[in-house]
Amino acid sequence: MATLRDMAAPPSPPARRPQVRRDLRLAAGVALVLVAMVLGARLLAGAGDRTPVWSLRVPLAAGTALHADDLVAVDVGGDAATVAAYVPASDDVTGRRTTRDLAAGELLPTTAIATSSTADRRLVTVAVDPLHAPPGLARGEKVDVYVTPKDGASVGSTVSVLPTLVLAGALVSDPGSTDASGASAQVGVVLDVAAKDADRAVAAARAGDVDLVRVGS
């Protein structure tokens, strides 16, 4: 028969509950470790999946014919659509012309180069006094070409001693350099012009003193 002491004693709690909680915490910890390992593996795999594309070494104005020295291969990552927006470094784009202004360090978009290298262009050399050209003039820049006629010589239909704009936004193909021998104080700047403007460029070179004015900053 049960005594009063036995009836007053509370029932004992289940002995397995603390063990179950420890097991759950352990399982959760193991799951977090596994998730971290999987994510880390995916990040490492993604970091190695990169594609070389062309990037610009120097700024180039729209219409400039690309040279090999203008480009440098850089590795880029991302999804297929993102990578496909740029010209692969395996593509030879030498001679292709830019369709818009490009900045140094910019990745070369497929939409920023002409579909072919054919263009009705001409290269014309004009003699320029170093003090009549912008400092640091570089290939791929644009300049306006002004001529001050000598002794009232005509430039087109204009007869004036004032400078006359004969070409606007001409591309610089080669900024030239001063004559190391000192035989000439002028610089031969090669301009890349449309064929229809070649005669004006030649006339400018012969009609008087040429001034080149940089377009843009």
Protein backbone atom coordinates (compact mmCIF):
# COMPACT_ATOMS: atom_id res chain seq x y z
CA MET A 1 0.00 0.00 0.00
CA ALA A 2 1.33 3.49 -0.99
CA THR A 3 2.42 5.77 1.82
CA LEU A 4 1.80 9.52 2.10
CA ARG A 5 5.44 10.14 1.16
CA ASP A 6 5.01 8.19 -2.05
CA MET A 7 1.83 10.06 -2.98
CA ALA A 8 3.42 13.51 -2.43
CA ALA A 9 6.50 12.87 -4.58
CA PRO A 10 6.25 14.46 -8.17
CA PRO A 11 6.74 12.22 -11.15
CA SER A 12 10.32 12.13 -12.56
CA PRO A 13 10.88 14.00 -15.93
CA PRO A 14 11.72 11.91 -18.96
CA ALA A 15 15.42 11.14 -18.91
CA ARG A 16 15.89 11.30 -22.75
CA ARG A 17 14.78 14.94 -23.44
CA PRO A 18 18.23 16.60 -22.93
CA GLN A 19 19.80 13.99 -25.17
CA VAL A 20 17.30 14.72 -27.98
CA ARG A 21 18.08 18.46 -27.83
CA ARG A 22 21.82 17.81 -28.04
CA ASP A 23 21.27 15.58 -31.07
CA LEU A 24 19.23 18.27 -32.83
CA ARG A 25 21.88 20.93 -32.21
CA LEU A 26 24.58 18.62 -33.52
CA ALA A 27 22.59 17.84 -36.67
CA ALA A 28 21.98 21.54 -37.30
CA GLY A 29 25.68 22.30 -36.92
CA VAL A 30 26.65 19.56 -39.35
CA ALA A 31 24.08 20.84 -41.87
CA LEU A 32 25.51 24.39 -41.67
CA VAL A 33 29.02 23.10 -42.27
CA LEU A 34 27.87 21.13 -45.32
CA VAL A 35 26.02 24.14 -46.75
CA ALA A 36 29.12 26.33 -46.29
CA MET A 37 31.28 23.74 -48.03
CA VAL A 38 28.90 23.52 -50.99
CA LEU A 39 28.68 27.31 -51.36
CA GLY A 40 32.45 27.66 -51.12
CA ALA A 41 32.95 25.02 -53.80
CA ARG A 42 30.52 26.83 -56.10
CA LEU A 43 32.26 30.17 -55.59
CA LEU A 44 35.64 28.66 -56.35
CA ALA A 45 34.27 26.98 -59.44
CA GLY A 46 32.74 30.27 -60.61
CA ALA A 47 35.98 32.16 -60.02
CA GLY A 48 37.79 29.86 -62.41
CA ASP A 49 35.16 30.17 -65.15
CA ARG A 50 36.38 33.36 -66.84
CA THR A 51 36.65 34.42 -70.47
CA PRO A 52 39.29 36.69 -72.06
CA VAL A 53 37.83 39.69 -73.94
CA TRP A 54 39.32 42.83 -75.47
CA SER A 55 39.70 46.01 -73.44
CA LEU A 56 40.91 49.46 -74.62
CA ARG A 57 44.42 50.59 -73.66
CA VAL A 58 43.74 54.15 -74.81
CA PRO A 59 40.69 56.33 -75.50
CA LEU A 60 39.53 56.26 -79.13
CA ALA A 61 37.11 58.49 -80.98
CA ALA A 62 34.30 57.12 -83.11
CA GLY A 63 35.51 56.04 -86.54
CA THR A 64 39.06 55.14 -85.47
CA ALA A 65 40.58 52.06 -87.13
CA LEU A 66 41.70 49.68 -84.40
CA HIS A 67 45.38 48.78 -84.06
CA ALA A 68 46.76 45.82 -82.12
CA ASP A 69 48.42 48.23 -79.68
CA ASP A 70 45.03 49.72 -78.80
CA LEU A 71 43.84 46.48 -77.21
CA VAL A 72 44.68 44.33 -74.21
CA ALA A 73 43.07 41.01 -73.22
CA VAL A 74 41.38 40.86 -69.81
CA ASP A 75 39.51 38.01 -68.13
CA VAL A 76 35.88 38.60 -67.22
CA GLY A 77 33.35 36.44 -65.42
CA GLY A 78 29.58 36.33 -65.48
CA ASP A 79 26.77 34.58 -67.27
CA ALA A 80 26.96 33.72 -70.95
CA ALA A 81 24.79 36.68 -72.01
CA THR A 82 27.04 39.18 -70.20
CA VAL A 83 30.26 37.76 -71.64
CA ALA A 84 28.77 37.59 -75.15
CA ALA A 85 28.25 41.38 -75.12
CA TYR A 86 32.02 41.92 -75.48
CA VAL A 87 34.47 41.03 -78.26
CA PRO A 88 36.42 37.84 -77.43
CA ALA A 89 40.19 38.25 -77.31
CA SER A 90 40.40 35.43 -79.83
CA ASP A 91 38.81 37.69 -82.49
CA ASP A 92 41.12 39.72 -84.73
CA VAL A 93 39.52 43.16 -84.98
CA THR A 94 42.57 44.99 -86.35
CA GLY A 95 41.45 47.51 -88.96
CA ARG A 96 37.83 47.50 -87.81
CA ARG A 97 36.49 50.94 -86.98
CA THR A 98 34.84 52.07 -83.78
CA THR A 99 31.24 53.19 -84.04
CA ARG A 100 31.31 55.40 -80.94
CA ASP A 101 33.79 57.06 -78.60
CA LEU A 102 35.53 54.56 -76.29
CA ALA A 103 37.32 55.24 -73.01
CA ALA A 104 40.62 53.78 -71.85
CA GLY A 105 40.01 50.66 -69.77
CA GLU A 106 36.57 50.09 -71.25
CA LEU A 107 35.69 46.58 -72.38
CA LEU A 108 35.15 46.50 -76.15
CA PRO A 109 31.45 45.89 -76.83
CA THR A 110 30.46 43.97 -79.93
CA THR A 111 28.14 46.86 -80.83
CA ALA A 112 30.99 49.41 -80.76
CA ILE A 113 32.86 48.14 -83.84
CA ALA A 114 31.82 48.22 -87.48
CA THR A 115 30.87 44.93 -89.09
CA SER A 116 33.75 45.19 -91.57
CA SER A 117 37.00 47.08 -92.03
CA THR A 118 36.07 48.45 -95.44
CA ALA A 119 35.61 52.21 -95.46
CA ASP A 120 36.08 54.91 -98.07
CA ARG A 121 38.82 56.71 -96.15
CA ARG A 122 42.09 58.43 -96.99
CA LEU A 123 45.23 59.28 -94.99
CA VAL A 124 46.52 62.81 -95.53
CA THR A 125 49.64 64.29 -93.93
CA VAL A 126 49.59 67.96 -92.97
CA ALA A 127 52.61 69.93 -91.75
CA VAL A 128 51.91 71.68 -88.46
CA ASP A 129 54.05 73.93 -86.31
CA PRO A 130 54.32 72.29 -82.84
CA LEU A 131 52.92 75.46 -81.27
CA HIS A 132 49.87 75.25 -83.54
CA ALA A 133 48.78 71.79 -82.37
CA PRO A 134 47.31 70.71 -79.01
CA PRO A 135 49.86 69.39 -76.49
CA GLY A 136 49.86 65.62 -76.09
CA LEU A 137 47.91 65.01 -79.27
CA ALA A 138 47.36 61.27 -79.71
CA ARG A 139 46.03 58.82 -82.27
CA GLY A 140 42.32 58.30 -81.99
CA GLU A 141 41.54 61.92 -81.15
CA LYS A 142 39.54 64.34 -83.27
CA VAL A 143 40.66 67.80 -84.34
CA ASP A 144 39.24 70.71 -86.26
CA VAL A 145 41.60 71.89 -89.01
CA TYR A 146 41.99 75.63 -89.54
CA VAL A 147 44.14 77.30 -92.20
CA THR A 148 45.43 80.84 -92.31
CA PRO A 149 46.10 81.51 -96.03
CA LYS A 150 49.44 82.91 -97.07
CA ASP A 151 49.39 86.21 -98.97
CA GLY A 152 45.64 86.12 -99.45
CA ALA A 153 45.60 82.61 -100.91
CA SER A 154 42.15 81.11 -101.20
CA VAL A 155 40.84 78.14 -99.21
CA GLY A 156 37.76 76.86 -101.01
CA SER A 157 35.66 79.90 -101.87
CA THR A 158 37.01 82.00 -99.00
CA VAL A 159 39.67 84.66 -99.46
CA SER A 160 40.77 86.05 -96.13
CA VAL A 161 43.70 86.48 -93.84
CA LEU A 162 41.58 85.13 -91.03
CA PRO A 163 41.81 81.41 -90.13
CA THR A 164 39.27 79.31 -92.01
CA LEU A 165 37.79 76.03 -90.80
CA VAL A 166 38.40 73.54 -93.60
CA LEU A 167 37.77 70.23 -91.79
CA ALA A 168 35.69 69.58 -88.69
CA GLY A 169 36.27 66.55 -86.49
CA ALA A 170 39.10 64.99 -88.49
CA LEU A 171 40.53 61.82 -86.96
CA VAL A 172 44.19 61.75 -85.99
CA SER A 173 45.78 58.61 -87.38
CA ASP A 174 49.35 59.52 -86.38
CA PRO A 175 50.26 62.61 -84.31
CA GLY A 176 53.76 62.59 -85.80
CA SER A 177 56.95 63.71 -84.14
CA THR A 178 59.46 66.50 -84.51
CA ASP A 179 62.38 66.02 -86.84
CA ALA A 180 65.27 64.71 -84.71
CA SER A 181 67.79 66.17 -87.16
CA GLY A 182 66.35 69.63 -86.71
CA ALA A 183 65.95 70.07 -90.47
CA SER A 184 62.30 70.95 -90.04
CA ALA A 185 60.51 72.70 -87.20
CA GLN A 186 57.16 71.28 -88.28
CA VAL A 187 55.42 68.03 -87.42
CA GLY A 188 53.75 65.81 -90.00
CA VAL A 189 50.35 64.92 -88.56
CA VAL A 190 48.49 62.18 -90.44
CA LEU A 191 44.75 62.72 -90.64
CA ASP A 192 42.23 59.97 -91.36
CA VAL A 193 39.52 61.61 -93.48
CA ALA A 194 36.64 60.58 -95.69
CA ALA A 195 37.63 60.24 -99.34
CA LYS A 196 35.36 63.17 -100.25
CA ASP A 197 37.32 65.42 -97.85
CA ALA A 198 40.81 64.40 -99.01
CA ASP A 199 41.12 67.26 -101.49
CA ARG A 200 40.24 69.79 -98.79
CA ALA A 201 42.86 68.30 -96.47
CA VAL A 202 45.51 68.50 -99.21
CA ALA A 203 44.49 72.06 -100.04
CA ALA A 204 44.73 72.98 -96.38
CA ALA A 205 48.26 71.61 -96.19
CA ARG A 206 49.35 73.74 -99.15
CA ALA A 207 47.30 76.90 -98.76
CA GLY A 208 48.82 78.29 -95.60
CA ASP A 209 49.60 77.78 -91.94
CA VAL A 210 47.64 74.94 -90.35
CA ASP A 211 46.22 75.01 -86.83
CA LEU A 212 44.76 71.91 -85.19
CA VAL A 213 42.15 72.39 -82.47
CA ARG A 214 41.32 69.43 -80.25
CA VAL A 215 37.65 68.42 -80.23
CA GLY A 216 36.34 67.75 -76.74
CA SER A 217 38.31 67.68 -73.51
